[in-house]
Amino acid sequence: MQDIIDGLPKKAKDKHKDNKKYFTKLKNRPPKNLDTVMVELHDAEFEKTDCLECANCCKTTSPIFTTKDITRISKHFRIKDQRFIETYLAVDSDNFFVLKTAPCTFLADDNTCSIYEVRPKACQEFPHTNRRDFHKISELTLNNVAICPAAFNIVEAMKKTIGLGKNPKGQKYKFNGRD
């Protein structure tokens, strides 16, 4: 697994330009069944992918902590929200609460999460490949394919399934009025 993780940034970088172009077309003219297809691809990938073998997301990036996340996790630790913020969080350049350190403070040596039951919403939804209105999160997805092997595989499967103009039944989709 470590070889896959180590090679992922280069693979993602090599495909970035094409993926960006693909996602621009997808965003401008998403197929009607895009969300359904993405849920199917997401579910299929996670039937064969075990996040505990990887945990690269937890090792390299921080989720955004919402006010609800902070309150829920603080309650779990039986501390005040402000103490949780002071102890674990910082404010990033976009004015979001994120972890002060990477890897995640709550990641154990066996890649389990010590706050799994109360983890942030961003962690619960990662890599966001089964999200509604998937076409609206292209920038996030482009970032995630460089972090998450499953996200990379899902995007590659999406491009094969949806293609640049054909749906799974062989019917052509129109992107920006073109085939």
Protein backbone atom coordinates (compact mmCIF):
# COMPACT_ATOMS: atom_id res chain seq x y z
CA MET A 1 0.00 0.00 0.00
CA GLN A 2 2.83 2.41 0.79
CA ASP A 3 4.11 2.12 -2.80
CA ILE A 4 0.67 3.14 -4.08
CA ILE A 5 0.52 6.09 -1.67
CA ASP A 6 4.06 7.18 -2.57
CA GLY A 7 3.29 7.09 -6.30
CA LEU A 8 -0.10 8.78 -6.05
CA PRO A 9 0.99 12.45 -6.19
CA LYS A 10 2.91 11.87 -9.43
CA LYS A 11 0.05 9.87 -10.99
CA ALA A 12 -2.40 12.62 -10.00
CA LYS A 13 -0.09 15.33 -11.32
CA ASP A 14 0.33 13.49 -14.63
CA LYS A 15 -3.45 13.38 -15.06
CA HIS A 16 -4.21 16.79 -13.53
CA LYS A 17 -4.45 18.79 -16.75
CA ASP A 18 -6.73 16.24 -18.43
CA ASN A 19 -8.79 15.80 -15.26
CA LYS A 20 -9.21 19.55 -14.89
CA LYS A 21 -10.45 19.81 -18.48
CA TYR A 22 -12.76 16.84 -17.92
CA PHE A 23 -14.22 18.30 -14.74
CA THR A 24 -14.77 21.68 -16.40
CA LYS A 25 -16.88 19.97 -19.06
CA LEU A 26 -18.64 17.91 -16.43
CA LYS A 27 -19.40 20.97 -14.33
CA ASN A 28 -20.81 22.89 -17.27
CA ARG A 29 -23.00 20.07 -18.48
CA PRO A 30 -23.38 17.21 -15.96
CA PRO A 31 -25.13 14.05 -17.13
CA LYS A 32 -28.53 13.59 -15.47
CA ASN A 33 -27.49 10.35 -13.79
CA LEU A 34 -24.08 11.56 -12.60
CA ASP A 35 -24.85 11.31 -8.88
CA THR A 36 -26.28 7.80 -9.27
CA VAL A 37 -23.23 6.66 -11.22
CA MET A 38 -20.90 8.21 -8.64
CA VAL A 39 -22.61 6.43 -5.75
CA GLU A 40 -22.29 3.13 -7.62
CA LEU A 41 -18.60 3.74 -8.40
CA HIS A 42 -17.91 4.88 -4.83
CA ASP A 43 -19.61 1.83 -3.34
CA ALA A 44 -17.82 -0.55 -5.73
CA GLU A 45 -14.42 0.97 -4.89
CA PHE A 46 -14.99 0.82 -1.14
CA GLU A 47 -16.02 -2.84 -1.34
CA LYS A 48 -12.38 -3.55 -2.22
CA THR A 49 -10.61 -0.67 -0.45
CA ASP A 50 -9.84 -0.71 3.26
CA CYS A 51 -9.09 2.78 4.53
CA LEU A 52 -7.29 1.33 7.55
CA GLU A 53 -4.56 0.06 5.21
CA CYS A 54 -3.93 3.59 3.99
CA ALA A 55 -5.13 6.50 6.18
CA ASN A 56 -3.17 8.87 3.94
CA CYS A 57 -5.89 11.49 4.33
CA CYS A 58 -5.38 11.43 8.11
CA LYS A 59 -1.61 11.50 7.75
CA THR A 60 -1.33 14.39 5.31
CA THR A 61 -4.32 16.73 5.50
CA SER A 62 -6.69 18.23 8.00
CA PRO A 63 -10.43 18.23 7.73
CA ILE A 64 -12.39 21.39 8.26
CA PHE A 65 -14.00 21.44 11.70
CA THR A 66 -17.45 23.03 11.75
CA THR A 67 -18.98 24.56 14.86
CA LYS A 68 -21.16 21.44 15.19
CA ASP A 69 -18.06 19.22 14.93
CA ILE A 70 -16.27 21.21 17.61
CA THR A 71 -19.24 21.05 19.97
CA ARG A 72 -19.77 17.31 19.41
CA ILE A 73 -16.10 16.42 19.88
CA SER A 74 -15.69 18.74 22.87
CA LYS A 75 -18.67 17.08 24.51
CA HIS A 76 -17.05 13.69 23.84
CA PHE A 77 -13.91 14.88 25.67
CA ARG A 78 -16.00 16.62 28.32
CA ILE A 79 -14.24 19.92 27.76
CA LYS A 80 -15.42 23.35 26.70
CA ASP A 81 -15.41 24.18 22.99
CA GLN A 82 -12.84 26.93 23.49
CA ARG A 83 -10.42 24.55 25.21
CA PHE A 84 -10.76 22.06 22.33
CA ILE A 85 -10.05 24.85 19.84
CA GLU A 86 -7.03 26.11 21.79
CA THR A 87 -5.61 22.61 22.21
CA TYR A 88 -6.12 21.10 18.77
CA LEU A 89 -7.15 23.66 16.16
CA ALA A 90 -5.84 26.56 14.13
CA VAL A 91 -7.51 28.87 11.63
CA ASP A 92 -6.38 28.42 8.03
CA SER A 93 -6.06 31.02 5.26
CA ASP A 94 -9.73 30.50 4.31
CA ASN A 95 -10.75 31.21 7.92
CA PHE A 96 -11.70 27.59 8.65
CA PHE A 97 -10.81 25.63 11.76
CA VAL A 98 -8.28 22.88 10.94
CA LEU A 99 -5.92 20.73 12.96
CA LYS A 100 -2.69 22.34 14.16
CA THR A 101 -0.64 19.29 13.20
CA ALA A 102 -0.40 16.46 10.71
CA PRO A 103 -0.76 13.57 10.99
CA CYS A 104 -4.09 13.88 12.74
CA THR A 105 -3.81 14.00 16.51
CA PHE A 106 -6.55 11.40 16.75
CA LEU A 107 -4.93 8.85 14.41
CA ALA A 108 -3.61 5.77 16.20
CA ASP A 109 -0.60 3.71 15.12
CA ASP A 110 -2.92 1.09 13.60
CA ASN A 111 -4.62 3.78 11.47
CA THR A 112 -7.79 3.76 13.55
CA CYS A 113 -9.41 6.98 14.70
CA SER A 114 -9.73 7.56 18.43
CA ILE A 115 -12.78 9.80 17.86
CA TYR A 116 -14.32 7.80 15.02
CA GLU A 117 -17.87 7.91 16.45
CA VAL A 118 -17.75 11.72 16.73
CA ARG A 119 -15.29 12.55 13.93
CA PRO A 120 -15.79 15.71 11.86
CA LYS A 121 -18.34 15.68 9.06
CA ALA A 122 -15.54 16.20 6.53
CA CYS A 123 -13.95 12.94 7.71
CA GLN A 124 -17.27 11.11 7.59
CA GLU A 125 -17.80 12.17 3.96
CA PHE A 126 -14.22 11.83 2.67
CA PRO A 127 -13.33 11.45 -0.20
CA HIS A 128 -16.70 13.02 -1.14
CA THR A 129 -17.05 10.88 -4.28
CA ASN A 130 -20.61 9.85 -3.43
CA ARG A 131 -21.82 13.34 -2.65
CA ARG A 132 -24.92 14.90 -4.19
CA ASP A 133 -24.19 17.40 -6.95
CA PHE A 134 -20.79 15.80 -7.41
CA HIS A 135 -20.05 18.05 -10.39
CA LYS A 136 -19.92 21.06 -8.05
CA ILE A 137 -16.89 19.83 -6.10
CA SER A 138 -14.37 19.44 -8.90
CA GLU A 139 -11.58 21.39 -7.20
CA LEU A 140 -11.95 19.32 -4.04
CA THR A 141 -11.95 16.11 -6.08
CA LEU A 142 -8.86 17.18 -8.02
CA ASN A 143 -7.08 17.66 -4.69
CA ASN A 144 -8.37 14.40 -3.23
CA VAL A 145 -7.12 12.21 -6.10
CA ALA A 146 -3.58 13.15 -5.06
CA ILE A 147 -4.26 12.08 -1.46
CA CYS A 148 -6.64 9.13 -1.66
CA PRO A 149 -5.98 6.07 -3.83
CA ALA A 150 -9.71 5.25 -3.73
CA ALA A 151 -10.64 8.72 -5.01
CA PHE A 152 -8.08 8.35 -7.80
CA ASN A 153 -9.58 4.99 -8.80
CA ILE A 154 -13.14 6.32 -8.63
CA VAL A 155 -12.32 9.26 -10.90
CA GLU A 156 -10.60 6.97 -13.39
CA ALA A 157 -13.62 4.64 -13.33
CA MET A 158 -15.93 7.63 -13.73
CA LYS A 159 -14.10 8.76 -16.84
CA LYS A 160 -14.43 5.26 -18.33
CA THR A 161 -18.08 4.90 -17.33
CA ILE A 162 -19.28 8.34 -18.28
CA GLY A 163 -16.50 9.19 -20.69
CA LEU A 164 -16.35 12.50 -22.42
CA GLY A 165 -19.68 12.25 -24.07
CA LYS A 166 -21.01 8.67 -23.75
CA ASN A 167 -23.11 7.23 -20.97
CA PRO A 168 -22.89 3.59 -19.83
CA LYS A 169 -25.58 2.62 -22.37
CA GLY A 170 -23.53 4.01 -25.25
CA GLN A 171 -25.73 7.05 -25.72
CA LYS A 172 -23.89 10.29 -26.23
CA TYR A 173 -23.93 13.03 -23.65
CA LYS A 174 -23.47 16.56 -24.83
CA PHE A 175 -20.84 18.62 -23.04
CA ASN A 176 -21.13 22.32 -23.90
CA GLY A 177 -23.25 21.41 -26.90
CA ARG A 178 -20.56 19.17 -28.40
CA ASP A 179 -20.02 15.43 -28.52
